[in-house]
C-alpha atoms as a PDB file:
ATOM      1  CA  MET A   1       6.466   0.567 -24.366  1.00  0.00           C
ATOM      2  CA  THR A   2       3.335   2.190 -24.384  1.00  0.00           C
ATOM      3  CA  SER A   3       1.189   4.016 -21.595  1.00  0.00           C
ATOM      4  CA  THR A   4      -1.557   1.188 -21.880  1.00  0.00           C
ATOM      5  CA  SER A   5       1.076  -1.789 -21.407  1.00  0.00           C
ATOM      6  CA  ASP A   6       2.677   0.311 -18.855  1.00  0.00           C
ATOM      7  CA  LYS A   7      -0.303   0.852 -16.875  1.00  0.00           C
ATOM      8  CA  ALA A   8      -1.015  -2.798 -17.198  1.00  0.00           C
ATOM      9  CA  GLU A   9       2.304  -4.011 -15.714  1.00  0.00           C
ATOM     10  CA  ILE A  10       1.105  -1.891 -12.808  1.00  0.00           C
ATOM     11  CA  ASP A  11      -2.098  -2.977 -12.335  1.00  0.00           C
ATOM     12  CA  GLY A  12      -0.467  -6.522 -12.337  1.00  0.00           C
ATOM     13  CA  LEU A  13       1.844  -5.272  -9.561  1.00  0.00           C
ATOM     14  CA  PHE A  14      -1.055  -3.850  -7.485  1.00  0.00           C
ATOM     15  CA  ARG A  15      -2.802  -7.451  -8.062  1.00  0.00           C
ATOM     16  CA  GLN A  16       0.174  -8.920  -6.950  1.00  0.00           C
ATOM     17  CA  LEU A  17       0.044  -7.293  -3.608  1.00  0.00           C
ATOM     18  CA  ALA A  18      -3.091  -7.385  -3.212  1.00  0.00           C
ATOM     19  CA  ARG A  19      -2.693 -11.563  -3.140  1.00  0.00           C
ATOM     20  CA  ALA A  20       0.420 -10.982  -1.344  1.00  0.00           C
ATOM     21  CA  HIS A  21      -1.639  -9.601   1.444  1.00  0.00           C
ATOM     22  CA  ALA A  22      -4.509 -12.188   1.271  1.00  0.00           C
ATOM     23  CA  GLY A  23      -1.425 -14.930   1.488  1.00  0.00           C
ATOM     24  CA  HIS A  24       0.674 -13.692   4.211  1.00  0.00           C
ATOM     25  CA  ASP A  25       3.405 -13.649   1.714  1.00  0.00           C
ATOM     26  CA  ALA A  26       6.221 -10.991   2.912  1.00  0.00           C
ATOM     27  CA  ASP A  27       8.443 -11.617   0.028  1.00  0.00           C
ATOM     28  CA  ALA A  28       5.901 -10.774  -2.261  1.00  0.00           C
ATOM     29  CA  ILE A  29       5.416  -7.974  -0.558  1.00  0.00           C
ATOM     30  CA  VAL A  30       9.281  -6.562  -0.335  1.00  0.00           C
ATOM     31  CA  GLU A  31       9.783  -7.412  -4.068  1.00  0.00           C
ATOM     32  CA  ALA A  32       7.493  -4.686  -4.980  1.00  0.00           C
ATOM     33  CA  TYR A  33       9.437  -1.761  -3.406  1.00  0.00           C
ATOM     34  CA  ALA A  34      12.432  -0.540  -4.377  1.00  0.00           C
ATOM     35  CA  PRO A  35      15.120  -1.061  -1.834  1.00  0.00           C
ATOM     36  CA  ASP A  36      15.206   2.807  -0.719  1.00  0.00           C
ATOM     37  CA  ALA A  37      11.696   3.667  -1.279  1.00  0.00           C
ATOM     38  CA  VAL A  38      10.137   6.165   1.487  1.00  0.00           C
ATOM     39  CA  ILE A  39       7.485   4.613   3.501  1.00  0.00           C
ATOM     40  CA  TYR A  40       5.028   7.183   5.314  1.00  0.00           C
ATOM     41  CA  ASP A  41       3.045   4.423   6.128  1.00  0.00           C
ATOM     42  CA  LEU A  42       0.183   3.770   9.275  1.00  0.00           C
ATOM     43  CA  SER A  43       2.371   2.717  11.860  1.00  0.00           C
ATOM     44  CA  PRO A  44       5.343   4.850  13.483  1.00  0.00           C
ATOM     45  CA  PRO A  45       7.384   6.309  12.904  1.00  0.00           C
ATOM     46  CA  LEU A  46       7.244   8.922  10.763  1.00  0.00           C
ATOM     47  CA  VAL A  47       9.143   7.940   7.470  1.00  0.00           C
ATOM     48  CA  ARG A  48      11.212   4.968   7.245  1.00  0.00           C
ATOM     49  CA  ARG A  49      13.636   4.356   4.568  1.00  0.00           C
ATOM     50  CA  GLY A  50      13.393   0.820   2.477  1.00  0.00           C
ATOM     51  CA  ILE A  51      10.897  -2.164   3.321  1.00  0.00           C
ATOM     52  CA  LYS A  52      12.312  -4.896   6.213  1.00  0.00           C
ATOM     53  CA  ARG A  53      10.809  -8.349   5.434  1.00  0.00           C
ATOM     54  CA  GLU A  54      11.303  -9.548   8.988  1.00  0.00           C
ATOM     55  CA  SER A  55       8.739  -6.150   9.786  1.00  0.00           C
ATOM     56  CA  VAL A  56       6.314  -7.003   6.961  1.00  0.00           C
ATOM     57  CA  ALA A  57       6.520 -10.895   8.530  1.00  0.00           C
ATOM     58  CA  ALA A  58       5.672  -9.709  11.791  1.00  0.00           C
ATOM     59  CA  TRP A  59       2.841  -7.913  11.006  1.00  0.00           C
ATOM     60  CA  LEU A  60       1.459 -10.321   8.767  1.00  0.00           C
ATOM     61  CA  GLY A  61       1.604 -12.315  11.349  1.00  0.00           C
ATOM     62  CA  SER A  62      -0.604 -10.448  13.436  1.00  0.00           C
ATOM     63  CA  TRP A  63      -3.576 -10.933  11.395  1.00  0.00           C
ATOM     64  CA  GLU A  64      -5.773 -14.173  11.579  1.00  0.00           C
ATOM     65  CA  GLY A  65      -6.602 -15.334   7.751  1.00  0.00           C
ATOM     66  CA  PRO A  66      -6.482 -13.536   5.171  1.00  0.00           C
ATOM     67  CA  ILE A  67      -6.148 -10.000   4.459  1.00  0.00           C
ATOM     68  CA  GLN A  68      -8.381  -7.986   1.869  1.00  0.00           C
ATOM     69  CA  VAL A  69      -6.668  -4.600   0.550  1.00  0.00           C
ATOM     70  CA  ASP A  70      -8.847  -3.339  -2.428  1.00  0.00           C
ATOM     71  CA  ALA A  71      -8.271  -0.082  -3.771  1.00  0.00           C
ATOM     72  CA  HIS A  72     -10.903   2.276  -5.298  1.00  0.00           C
ATOM     73  CA  ASP A  73     -11.061   5.457  -7.042  1.00  0.00           C
ATOM     74  CA  VAL A  74      -8.120   4.903  -8.768  1.00  0.00           C
ATOM     75  CA  ASN A  75      -6.062   7.650 -10.285  1.00  0.00           C
ATOM     76  CA  LEU A  76      -2.922   6.184 -12.305  1.00  0.00           C
ATOM     77  CA  VAL A  77      -0.718   8.369 -14.714  1.00  0.00           C
ATOM     78  CA  VAL A  78       2.242   7.299 -16.375  1.00  0.00           C
ATOM     79  CA  ASP A  79       4.628   9.580 -17.511  1.00  0.00           C
ATOM     80  CA  GLY A  80       8.073   7.816 -19.394  1.00  0.00           C
ATOM     81  CA  GLY A  81       9.518   5.897 -16.191  1.00  0.00           C
ATOM     82  CA  LEU A  82       7.881   7.251 -13.342  1.00  0.00           C
ATOM     83  CA  ALA A  83       4.456   6.814 -12.354  1.00  0.00           C
ATOM     84  CA  PHE A  84       1.699   8.235 -10.082  1.00  0.00           C
ATOM     85  CA  VAL A  85      -0.869   6.614  -8.434  1.00  0.00           C
ATOM     86  CA  SER A  86      -3.730   7.742  -6.177  1.00  0.00           C
ATOM     87  CA  ALA A  87      -6.683   5.881  -4.452  1.00  0.00           C
ATOM     88  CA  LEU A  88      -9.134   5.291  -1.224  1.00  0.00           C
ATOM     89  CA  THR A  89      -7.493   1.613   0.208  1.00  0.00           C
ATOM     90  CA  ARG A  90      -9.675  -0.615   2.189  1.00  0.00           C
ATOM     91  CA  MET A  91      -8.183  -3.152   4.103  1.00  0.00           C
ATOM     92  CA  ARG A  92     -10.583  -5.691   5.982  1.00  0.00           C
ATOM     93  CA  GLY A  93      -9.353  -8.863   7.833  1.00  0.00           C
ATOM     94  CA  ARG A  94      -8.969 -10.546  11.464  1.00  0.00           C
ATOM     95  CA  GLN A  95      -6.617  -8.828  13.507  1.00  0.00           C
ATOM     96  CA  GLY A  96      -6.157  -9.473  17.884  1.00  0.00           C
ATOM     97  CA  GLY A  97      -9.620 -11.342  17.488  1.00  0.00           C
ATOM     98  CA  GLN A  98     -11.693  -8.230  15.804  1.00  0.00           C
ATOM     99  CA  GLU A  99     -12.497  -7.989  12.347  1.00  0.00           C
ATOM    100  CA  GLN A 100     -11.338  -5.385  10.664  1.00  0.00           C
ATOM    101  CA  ASP A 101     -12.542  -2.500   8.225  1.00  0.00           C
ATOM    102  CA  LEU A 102     -10.297  -0.060   7.375  1.00  0.00           C
ATOM    103  CA  TRP A 103     -10.232   2.982   4.527  1.00  0.00           C
ATOM    104  CA  TYR A 104      -7.416   4.770   4.174  1.00  0.00           C
ATOM    105  CA  ARG A 105      -5.891   7.241   1.697  1.00  0.00           C
ATOM    106  CA  THR A 106      -3.004   5.636  -0.345  1.00  0.00           C
ATOM    107  CA  THR A 107      -0.142   7.945  -3.049  1.00  0.00           C
ATOM    108  CA  ILE A 108       1.916   5.421  -4.072  1.00  0.00           C
ATOM    109  CA  CYS A 109       5.096   6.416  -6.554  1.00  0.00           C
ATOM    110  CA  LEU A 110       6.536   4.336  -8.922  1.00  0.00           C
ATOM    111  CA  ARG A 111      10.062   4.180 -11.029  1.00  0.00           C
ATOM    112  CA  LYS A 112      10.630   1.419 -14.025  1.00  0.00           C
ATOM    113  CA  THR A 113      13.995   0.436 -13.607  1.00  0.00           C
ATOM    114  CA  SER A 114      15.632  -2.155 -16.015  1.00  0.00           C
ATOM    115  CA  GLY A 115      12.564  -2.922 -17.302  1.00  0.00           C
ATOM    116  CA  ARG A 116      10.542  -3.529 -14.253  1.00  0.00           C
ATOM    117  CA  TRP A 117       7.859  -1.203 -12.279  1.00  0.00           C
ATOM    118  CA  ARG A 118       8.917  -1.143  -8.886  1.00  0.00           C
ATOM    119  CA  ILE A 119       7.199   1.492  -5.775  1.00  0.00           C
ATOM    120  CA  VAL A 120       9.903   3.827  -4.505  1.00  0.00           C
ATOM    121  CA  CYS A 121       7.508   6.108  -2.813  1.00  0.00           C
ATOM    122  CA  ASP A 122       4.180   4.885  -0.634  1.00  0.00           C
ATOM    123  CA  HIS A 123       2.049   6.925   1.400  1.00  0.00           C
ATOM    124  CA  SER A 124      -0.841   6.177   3.361  1.00  0.00           C
ATOM    125  CA  SER A 125      -2.895   8.423   5.512  1.00  0.00           C
ATOM    126  CA  VAL A 126      -5.990   8.554   7.471  1.00  0.00           C
ATOM    127  CA  PRO A 127      -7.447  12.465   8.648  1.00  0.00           C
ATOM    128  CA  PHE A 128      -8.234  13.455  11.800  1.00  0.00           C
ATOM    129  CA  TYR A 129     -10.428  15.207  13.617  1.00  0.00           C
ATOM    130  CA  MET A 130      -9.433  18.583  13.821  1.00  0.00           C
ATOM    131  CA  ASP A 131     -11.929  19.179  16.911  1.00  0.00           C
ATOM    132  CA  GLY A 132      -9.213  19.120  19.647  1.00  0.00           C
ATOM    133  CA  SER A 133      -9.480  15.218  20.201  1.00  0.00           C
ATOM    134  CA  TYR A 134      -6.638  14.662  17.582  1.00  0.00           C
ATOM    135  CA  ARG A 135      -8.565  11.743  17.294  1.00  0.00           C
ATOM    136  CA  ALA A 136      -7.415   9.214  14.032  1.00  0.00           C
ATOM    137  CA  ALA A 137     -10.804   9.438  11.636  1.00  0.00           C
ATOM    138  CA  VAL A 138     -10.856   5.649  11.153  1.00  0.00           C
ATOM    139  CA  ASP A 139     -14.889   5.751  11.160  1.00  0.00           C
ATOM    140  CA  LEU A 140     -14.630   7.056   7.276  1.00  0.00           C
ATOM    141  CA  LYS A 141     -16.264   5.352   4.242  1.00  0.00           C
ATOM    142  CA  PRO A 142     -16.435   6.689   1.014  1.00  0.00           C
END
């Protein structure tokens, strides 16, 4: 398979994830990840191994209506059976009766196993103000 077709498959995986978030489809989200994926996401704890459907479903249930997830400034590199993606990600929707609009940084590593790309490491982060307050800088926009 060529790098071009691998990139198209990976792009399709991310489109699937965007649709799954919009449609609150926990199964489709979990399916995109390897069973032992390393997850550094925005919520505690600092790290987890694997992604659990119950946890994803509970988080999706805390949103009212679709969750829009859009990647910007995407950099995708494919080398054989490994791929690396970095992007600025925007997540929008309604949660707890409030409109949410958050930008954060995303780095994702994928591995092709049995002819299929799956996420093996997912790292999301927001910077924090280094003024002694240690507040998350969730007000930043590109």
